[in-house]
């Protein structure tokens, strides 16, 4: 499983922990946690589970690091 993560920080950040990022995820990657365990910054802040599938938009922003997650092919729950 591979996340499509784009770092929005300056290119000279050196991959610094908890820089604002954008990540598209799939249904197969749920439940969503931040930071993802397979990322270099896995120890950047306490792991939190984000209920992205329960939102009206299929988007969720981590309250710790500001990473914006977007669920691909999102269909709102009725």
PDB file of N, CA and C in Angstrom:
ATOM      1  N   UNK A   1       0.840  -1.171   0.000  1.00  0.00           N
ATOM      2  CA  UNK A   1       0.000   0.000   0.000  1.00  0.00           C
ATOM      3  C   UNK A   1       0.888   1.238   0.000  1.00  0.00           C
ATOM      4  N   UNK A   2       0.639   2.143  -0.912  1.00  0.00           N
ATOM      5  CA  UNK A   2       1.497   3.314  -1.027  1.00  0.00           C
ATOM      6  C   UNK A   2       0.646   4.567  -1.051  1.00  0.00           C
ATOM      7  N   UNK A   3       0.953   5.501  -0.142  1.00  0.00           N
ATOM      8  CA  UNK A   3       0.243   6.774  -0.113  1.00  0.00           C
ATOM      9  C   UNK A   3       0.832   7.718  -1.140  1.00  0.00           C
ATOM     10  N   UNK A   4      -0.010   8.536  -1.730  1.00  0.00           N
ATOM     11  CA  UNK A   4       0.442   9.566  -2.664  1.00  0.00           C
ATOM     12  C   UNK A   4       0.552  10.856  -1.875  1.00  0.00           C
ATOM     13  N   UNK A   5       1.706  11.093  -1.283  1.00  0.00           N
ATOM     14  CA  UNK A   5       1.904  12.242  -0.409  1.00  0.00           C
ATOM     15  C   UNK A   5       2.756  13.272  -1.110  1.00  0.00           C
ATOM     16  N   UNK A   6       2.310  14.500  -1.078  1.00  0.00           N
ATOM     17  CA  UNK A   6       3.050  15.607  -1.643  1.00  0.00           C
ATOM     18  C   UNK A   6       3.387  16.571  -0.531  1.00  0.00           C
ATOM     19  N   UNK A   7       4.650  16.920  -0.385  1.00  0.00           N
ATOM     20  CA  UNK A   7       5.078  17.856   0.643  1.00  0.00           C
ATOM     21  C   UNK A   7       4.859  19.268   0.141  1.00  0.00           C
ATOM     22  N   UNK A   8       4.073  20.063   0.884  1.00  0.00           N
ATOM     23  CA  UNK A   8       3.808  21.444   0.490  1.00  0.00           C
ATOM     24  C   UNK A   8       4.865  22.405   1.029  1.00  0.00           C
ATOM     25  N   UNK A   9       5.793  21.904   1.809  1.00  0.00           N
ATOM     26  CA  UNK A   9       6.832  22.760   2.375  1.00  0.00           C
ATOM     27  C   UNK A   9       7.873  23.082   1.313  1.00  0.00           C
ATOM     28  N   UNK A  10       8.743  24.009   1.618  1.00  0.00           N
ATOM     29  CA  UNK A  10       9.829  24.345   0.686  1.00  0.00           C
ATOM     30  C   UNK A  10      10.673  23.121   0.415  1.00  0.00           C
ATOM     31  N   UNK A  11      11.248  23.058  -0.759  1.00  0.00           N
ATOM     32  CA  UNK A  11      12.039  21.891  -1.141  1.00  0.00           C
ATOM     33  C   UNK A  11      13.282  21.723  -0.290  1.00  0.00           C
ATOM     34  N   UNK A  12      13.713  22.759   0.412  1.00  0.00           N
ATOM     35  CA  UNK A  12      14.910  22.641   1.239  1.00  0.00           C
ATOM     36  C   UNK A  12      14.572  22.211   2.672  1.00  0.00           C
ATOM     37  N   UNK A  13      13.337  21.757   2.904  1.00  0.00           N
ATOM     38  CA  UNK A  13      12.940  21.360   4.255  1.00  0.00           C
ATOM     39  C   UNK A  13      13.628  20.084   4.700  1.00  0.00           C
ATOM     40  N   UNK A  14      14.179  19.313   3.752  1.00  0.00           N
ATOM     41  CA  UNK A  14      14.873  18.090   4.107  1.00  0.00           C
ATOM     42  C   UNK A  14      13.945  17.017   4.635  1.00  0.00           C
ATOM     43  N   UNK A  15      12.651  17.082   4.295  1.00  0.00           N
ATOM     44  CA  UNK A  15      11.715  16.080   4.780  1.00  0.00           C
ATOM     45  C   UNK A  15      11.419  16.248   6.254  1.00  0.00           C
ATOM     46  N   UNK A  16      11.492  17.457   6.753  1.00  0.00           N
ATOM     47  CA  UNK A  16      11.283  17.713   8.172  1.00  0.00           C
ATOM     48  C   UNK A  16       9.942  17.184   8.634  1.00  0.00           C
ATOM     49  N   UNK A  17       9.929  16.753   9.846  1.00  0.00           N
ATOM     50  CA  UNK A  17       8.735  16.187  10.448  1.00  0.00           C
ATOM     51  C   UNK A  17       7.614  17.220  10.544  1.00  0.00           C
ATOM     52  N   UNK A  18       6.404  16.757  10.312  1.00  0.00           N
ATOM     53  CA  UNK A  18       5.180  17.540  10.512  1.00  0.00           C
ATOM     54  C   UNK A  18       5.121  18.804   9.672  1.00  0.00           C
ATOM     55  N   UNK A  19       5.629  18.756   8.462  1.00  0.00           N
ATOM     56  CA  UNK A  19       5.424  19.865   7.538  1.00  0.00           C
ATOM     57  C   UNK A  19       4.074  19.641   6.887  1.00  0.00           C
ATOM     58  N   UNK A  20       3.420  20.697   6.486  1.00  0.00           N
ATOM     59  CA  UNK A  20       2.098  20.559   5.897  1.00  0.00           C
ATOM     60  C   UNK A  20       2.189  19.789   4.594  1.00  0.00           C
ATOM     61  N   UNK A  21       1.325  18.763   4.443  1.00  0.00           N
ATOM     62  CA  UNK A  21       1.360  17.898   3.277  1.00  0.00           C
ATOM     63  C   UNK A  21      -0.056  17.634   2.773  1.00  0.00           C
ATOM     64  N   UNK A  22      -0.129  17.041   1.593  1.00  0.00           N
ATOM     65  CA  UNK A  22      -1.387  16.644   0.974  1.00  0.00           C
ATOM     66  C   UNK A  22      -1.286  15.161   0.657  1.00  0.00           C
ATOM     67  N   UNK A  23      -2.350  14.401   0.951  1.00  0.00           N
ATOM     68  CA  UNK A  23      -2.287  12.958   0.749  1.00  0.00           C
ATOM     69  C   UNK A  23      -3.620  12.445   0.224  1.00  0.00           C
ATOM     70  N   UNK A  24      -3.595  11.759  -0.902  1.00  0.00           N
ATOM     71  CA  UNK A  24      -4.782  11.088  -1.417  1.00  0.00           C
ATOM     72  C   UNK A  24      -4.723   9.632  -0.969  1.00  0.00           C
ATOM     73  N   UNK A  25      -5.828   9.142  -0.425  1.00  0.00           N
ATOM     74  CA  UNK A  25      -5.866   7.759   0.024  1.00  0.00           C
ATOM     75  C   UNK A  25      -7.033   7.033  -0.630  1.00  0.00           C
ATOM     76  N   UNK A  26      -7.003   5.720  -0.570  1.00  0.00           N
ATOM     77  CA  UNK A  26      -8.069   4.900  -1.125  1.00  0.00           C
ATOM     78  C   UNK A  26      -8.828   4.207   0.000  1.00  0.00           C
ATOM     79  N   UNK A  27      -9.963   3.617  -0.334  1.00  0.00           N
ATOM     80  CA  UNK A  27     -10.752   2.862   0.644  1.00  0.00           C
ATOM     81  C   UNK A  27      -9.916   1.741   1.277  1.00  0.00           C
ATOM     82  N   UNK A  28      -9.020   1.156   0.507  1.00  0.00           N
ATOM     83  CA  UNK A  28      -8.185   0.057   1.010  1.00  0.00           C
ATOM     84  C   UNK A  28      -7.243   0.500   2.122  1.00  0.00           C
ATOM     85  N   UNK A  29      -6.988   1.807   2.233  1.00  0.00           N
ATOM     86  CA  UNK A  29      -6.068   2.333   3.241  1.00  0.00           C
ATOM     87  C   UNK A  29      -6.771   2.751   4.533  1.00  0.00           C
ATOM     88  N   UNK A  30      -8.083   2.533   4.601  1.00  0.00           N
ATOM     89  CA  UNK A  30      -8.824   2.861   5.819  1.00  0.00           C
ATOM     90  C   UNK A  30      -8.668   1.742   6.830  1.00  0.00           C
ATOM     91  N   UNK A  31      -8.702   2.001   8.122  1.00  0.00           N
ATOM     92  CA  UNK A  31      -8.899   3.309   8.729  1.00  0.00           C
ATOM     93  C   UNK A  31      -7.657   4.186   8.571  1.00  0.00           C
ATOM     94  N   UNK A  32      -7.908   5.479   8.449  1.00  0.00           N
ATOM     95  CA  UNK A  32      -6.853   6.460   8.227  1.00  0.00           C
ATOM     96  C   UNK A  32      -6.224   6.877   9.546  1.00  0.00           C
ATOM     97  N   UNK A  33      -4.906   6.807   9.601  1.00  0.00           N
ATOM     98  CA  UNK A  33      -4.191   7.315  10.773  1.00  0.00           C
ATOM     99  C   UNK A  33      -3.132   8.305  10.311  1.00  0.00           C
ATOM    100  N   UNK A  34      -2.825   9.240  11.166  1.00  0.00           N
ATOM    101  CA  UNK A  34      -1.778  10.214  10.893  1.00  0.00           C
ATOM    102  C   UNK A  34      -0.882  10.276  12.118  1.00  0.00           C
ATOM    103  N   UNK A  35       0.412  10.242  11.924  1.00  0.00           N
ATOM    104  CA  UNK A  35       1.109  10.002  10.653  1.00  0.00           C
ATOM    105  C   UNK A  35       1.031   8.540  10.248  1.00  0.00           C
ATOM    106  N   UNK A  36       1.096   8.275   8.948  1.00  0.00           N
ATOM    107  CA  UNK A  36       1.089   6.884   8.482  1.00  0.00           C
ATOM    108  C   UNK A  36       2.333   6.157   8.987  1.00  0.00           C
ATOM    109  N   UNK A  37       2.165   4.938   9.406  1.00  0.00           N
ATOM    110  CA  UNK A  37       3.275   4.160   9.979  1.00  0.00           C
ATOM    111  C   UNK A  37       4.411   3.950   8.976  1.00  0.00           C
ATOM    112  N   UNK A  38       4.111   3.899   7.677  1.00  0.00           N
ATOM    113  CA  UNK A  38       5.155   3.637   6.678  1.00  0.00           C
ATOM    114  C   UNK A  38       5.897   4.881   6.234  1.00  0.00           C
ATOM    115  N   UNK A  39       5.597   6.026   6.802  1.00  0.00           N
ATOM    116  CA  UNK A  39       6.274   7.264   6.435  1.00  0.00           C
ATOM    117  C   UNK A  39       7.458   7.537   7.364  1.00  0.00           C
ATOM    118  N   UNK A  40       8.442   8.232   6.855  1.00  0.00           N
ATOM    119  CA  UNK A  40       9.639   8.575   7.620  1.00  0.00           C
ATOM    120  C   UNK A  40       9.299   9.371   8.873  1.00  0.00           C
ATOM    121  N   UNK A  41       8.250  10.141   8.841  1.00  0.00           N
ATOM    122  CA  UNK A  41       7.892  11.015   9.967  1.00  0.00           C
ATOM    123  C   UNK A  41       6.901  10.343  10.919  1.00  0.00           C
ATOM    124  N   UNK A  42       6.906   9.019  10.963  1.00  0.00           N
ATOM    125  CA  UNK A  42       5.933   8.291  11.769  1.00  0.00           C
ATOM    126  C   UNK A  42       5.944   8.686  13.240  1.00  0.00           C
ATOM    127  N   UNK A  43       7.048   9.225  13.737  1.00  0.00           N
ATOM    128  CA  UNK A  43       7.117   9.588  15.152  1.00  0.00           C
ATOM    129  C   UNK A  43       6.974  11.097  15.361  1.00  0.00           C
ATOM    130  N   UNK A  44       6.402  11.811  14.406  1.00  0.00           N
ATOM    131  CA  UNK A  44       6.296  13.268  14.465  1.00  0.00           C
ATOM    132  C   UNK A  44       5.305  13.776  15.489  1.00  0.00           C
ATOM    133  N   UNK A  45       4.231  13.055  15.728  1.00  0.00           N
ATOM    134  CA  UNK A  45       3.228  13.422  16.722  1.00  0.00           C
ATOM    135  C   UNK A  45       2.464  12.162  17.092  1.00  0.00           C
ATOM    136  N   UNK A  46       1.660  12.210  18.152  1.00  0.00           N
ATOM    137  CA  UNK A  46       0.905  11.002  18.524  1.00  0.00           C
ATOM    138  C   UNK A  46       0.030  10.538  17.367  1.00  0.00           C
ATOM    139  N   UNK A  47      -0.072   9.242  17.190  1.00  0.00           N
ATOM    140  CA  UNK A  47      -0.923   8.720  16.128  1.00  0.00           C
ATOM    141  C   UNK A  47      -2.373   9.008  16.466  1.00  0.00           C
ATOM    142  N   UNK A  48      -3.077   9.565  15.486  1.00  0.00           N
ATOM    143  CA  UNK A  48      -4.510   9.820  15.624  1.00  0.00           C
ATOM    144  C   UNK A  48      -5.225   9.163  14.456  1.00  0.00           C
ATOM    145  N   UNK A  49      -6.407   8.653  14.728  1.00  0.00           N
ATOM    146  CA  UNK A  49      -7.226   8.069  13.670  1.00  0.00           C
ATOM    147  C   UNK A  49      -8.230   9.112  13.234  1.00  0.00           C
ATOM    148  N   UNK A  50      -8.298   9.350  11.926  1.00  0.00           N
ATOM    149  CA  UNK A  50      -9.114  10.411  11.364  1.00  0.00           C
ATOM    150  C   UNK A  50     -10.307   9.802  10.628  1.00  0.00           C
ATOM    151  N   UNK A  51     -11.527  10.118  11.050  1.00  0.00           N
ATOM    152  CA  UNK A  51     -12.732   9.503  10.465  1.00  0.00           C
ATOM    153  C   UNK A  51     -13.123  10.123   9.125  1.00  0.00           C
ATOM    154  N   UNK A  52     -12.244  10.050   8.165  1.00  0.00           N
ATOM    155  CA  UNK A  52     -12.452  10.686   6.866  1.00  0.00           C
ATOM    156  C   UNK A  52     -13.691  10.143   6.157  1.00  0.00           C
ATOM    157  N   UNK A  53     -13.992   8.859   6.344  1.00  0.00           N
ATOM    158  CA  UNK A  53     -15.127   8.260   5.652  1.00  0.00           C
ATOM    159  C   UNK A  53     -16.470   8.748   6.212  1.00  0.00           C
ATOM    160  N   UNK A  54     -16.460   9.411   7.365  1.00  0.00           N
ATOM    161  CA  UNK A  54     -17.688   9.925   7.978  1.00  0.00           C
ATOM    162  C   UNK A  54     -17.950  11.391   7.646  1.00  0.00           C
ATOM    163  N   UNK A  55     -17.067  12.018   6.889  1.00  0.00           N
ATOM    164  CA  UNK A  55     -17.240  13.432   6.542  1.00  0.00           C
ATOM    165  C   UNK A  55     -18.195  13.587   5.367  1.00  0.00           C
ATOM    166  N   UNK A  56     -18.632  14.805   5.135  1.00  0.00           N
ATOM    167  CA  UNK A  56     -19.505  15.085   3.992  1.00  0.00           C
ATOM    168  C   UNK A  56     -18.714  15.326   2.710  1.00  0.00           C
ATOM    169  N   UNK A  57     -17.418  15.580   2.857  1.00  0.00           N
ATOM    170  CA  UNK A  57     -16.594  15.968   1.711  1.00  0.00           C
ATOM    171  C   UNK A  57     -15.531  14.946   1.314  1.00  0.00           C
ATOM    172  N   UNK A  58     -15.247  13.973   2.187  1.00  0.00           N
ATOM    173  CA  UNK A  58     -14.167  13.038   1.905  1.00  0.00           C
ATOM    174  C   UNK A  58     -12.797  13.645   2.130  1.00  0.00           C
ATOM    175  N   UNK A  59     -12.765  14.715   2.934  1.00  0.00           N
ATOM    176  CA  UNK A  59     -11.503  15.388   3.255  1.00  0.00           C
ATOM    177  C   UNK A  59     -11.375  15.498   4.763  1.00  0.00           C
ATOM    178  N   UNK A  60     -10.121  15.478   5.238  1.00  0.00           N
ATOM    179  CA  UNK A  60      -9.865  15.631   6.671  1.00  0.00           C
ATOM    180  C   UNK A  60      -8.473  16.218   6.839  1.00  0.00           C
ATOM    181  N   UNK A  61      -8.329  17.151   7.765  1.00  0.00           N
ATOM    182  CA  UNK A  61      -7.036  17.774   8.052  1.00  0.00           C
ATOM    183  C   UNK A  61      -6.592  17.319   9.434  1.00  0.00           C
ATOM    184  N   UNK A  62      -5.360  16.816   9.518  1.00  0.00           N
ATOM    185  CA  UNK A  62      -4.823  16.373  10.804  1.00  0.00           C
ATOM    186  C   UNK A  62      -4.715  17.570  11.750  1.00  0.00           C
ATOM    187  N   UNK A  63      -5.262  17.444  12.967  1.00  0.00           N
ATOM    188  CA  UNK A  63      -5.199  18.557  13.912  1.00  0.00           C
ATOM    189  C   UNK A  63      -3.798  18.831  14.447  1.00  0.00           C
ATOM    190  N   UNK A  64      -2.878  17.884  14.293  1.00  0.00           N
ATOM    191  CA  UNK A  64      -1.516  18.066  14.792  1.00  0.00           C
ATOM    192  C   UNK A  64      -0.591  18.717  13.770  1.00  0.00           C
ATOM    193  N   UNK A  65      -0.564  18.176  12.549  1.00  0.00           N
ATOM    194  CA  UNK A  65       0.447  18.625  11.583  1.00  0.00           C
ATOM    195  C   UNK A  65      -0.129  19.353  10.381  1.00  0.00           C
ATOM    196  N   UNK A  66      -1.451  19.362  10.234  1.00  0.00           N
ATOM    197  CA  UNK A  66      -2.060  20.081   9.126  1.00  0.00           C
ATOM    198  C   UNK A  66      -2.067  19.335   7.806  1.00  0.00           C
ATOM    199  N   UNK A  67      -1.650  18.066   7.802  1.00  0.00           N
ATOM    200  CA  UNK A  67      -1.702  17.294   6.568  1.00  0.00           C
ATOM    201  C   UNK A  67      -3.147  17.159   6.131  1.00  0.00           C
ATOM    202  N   UNK A  68      -3.396  17.448   4.852  1.00  0.00           N
ATOM    203  CA  UNK A  68      -4.744  17.334   4.309  1.00  0.00           C
ATOM    204  C   UNK A  68      -4.870  15.995   3.597  1.00  0.00           C
ATOM    205  N   UNK A  69      -5.847  15.213   4.018  1.00  0.00           N
ATOM    206  CA  UNK A  69      -6.122  13.916   3.415  1.00  0.00           C
ATOM    207  C   UNK A  69      -7.386  14.019   2.578  1.00  0.00           C
ATOM    208  N   UNK A  70      -7.357  13.382   1.409  1.00  0.00           N
ATOM    209  CA  UNK A  70      -8.510  13.344   0.521  1.00  0.00           C
ATOM    210  C   UNK A  70      -8.754  11.881   0.155  1.00  0.00           C
ATOM    211  N   UNK A  71      -9.988  11.435   0.327  1.00  0.00           N
ATOM    212  CA  UNK A  71     -10.359  10.072   0.005  1.00  0.00           C
ATOM    213  C   UNK A  71     -10.771   9.997  -1.462  1.00  0.00           C
ATOM    214  N   UNK A  72     -10.013   9.210  -2.247  1.00  0.00           N
ATOM    215  CA  UNK A  72     -10.306   9.056  -3.678  1.00  0.00           C
ATOM    216  C   UNK A  72     -11.650   8.354  -3.846  1.00  0.00           C
ATOM    217  N   UNK A  73     -12.369   8.720  -4.896  1.00  0.00           N
ATOM    218  CA  UNK A  73     -13.649   8.095  -5.236  1.00  0.00           C
ATOM    219  C   UNK A  73     -14.626   8.113  -4.064  1.00  0.00           C
ATOM    220  N   UNK A  74     -14.647   9.212  -3.337  1.00  0.00           N
ATOM    221  CA  UNK A  74     -15.496   9.346  -2.152  1.00  0.00           C
ATOM    222  C   UNK A  74     -16.968   9.409  -2.524  1.00  0.00           C
ATOM    223  N   UNK A  75     -17.781   8.634  -1.804  1.00  0.00           N
ATOM    224  CA  UNK A  75     -19.232   8.693  -1.935  1.00  0.00           C
ATOM    225  C   UNK A  75     -19.774   8.985  -0.543  1.00  0.00           C
ATOM    226  N   UNK A  76     -20.462  10.127  -0.350  1.00  0.00           N
ATOM    227  CA  UNK A  76     -20.978  10.471   0.976  1.00  0.00           C
ATOM    228  C   UNK A  76     -21.956   9.426   1.490  1.00  0.00           C
ATOM    229  N   UNK A  77     -21.938   9.213   2.815  1.00  0.00           N
ATOM    230  CA  UNK A  77     -22.895   8.307   3.440  1.00  0.00           C
ATOM    231  C   UNK A  77     -24.254   8.983   3.467  1.00  0.00           C
ATOM    232  N   UNK A  78     -25.292   8.193   3.349  1.00  0.00           N
ATOM    233  CA  UNK A  78     -26.649   8.751   3.359  1.00  0.00           C
ATOM    234  C   UNK A  78     -27.228   8.791   4.739  1.00  0.00           C
TER     235      UNK A  78
END
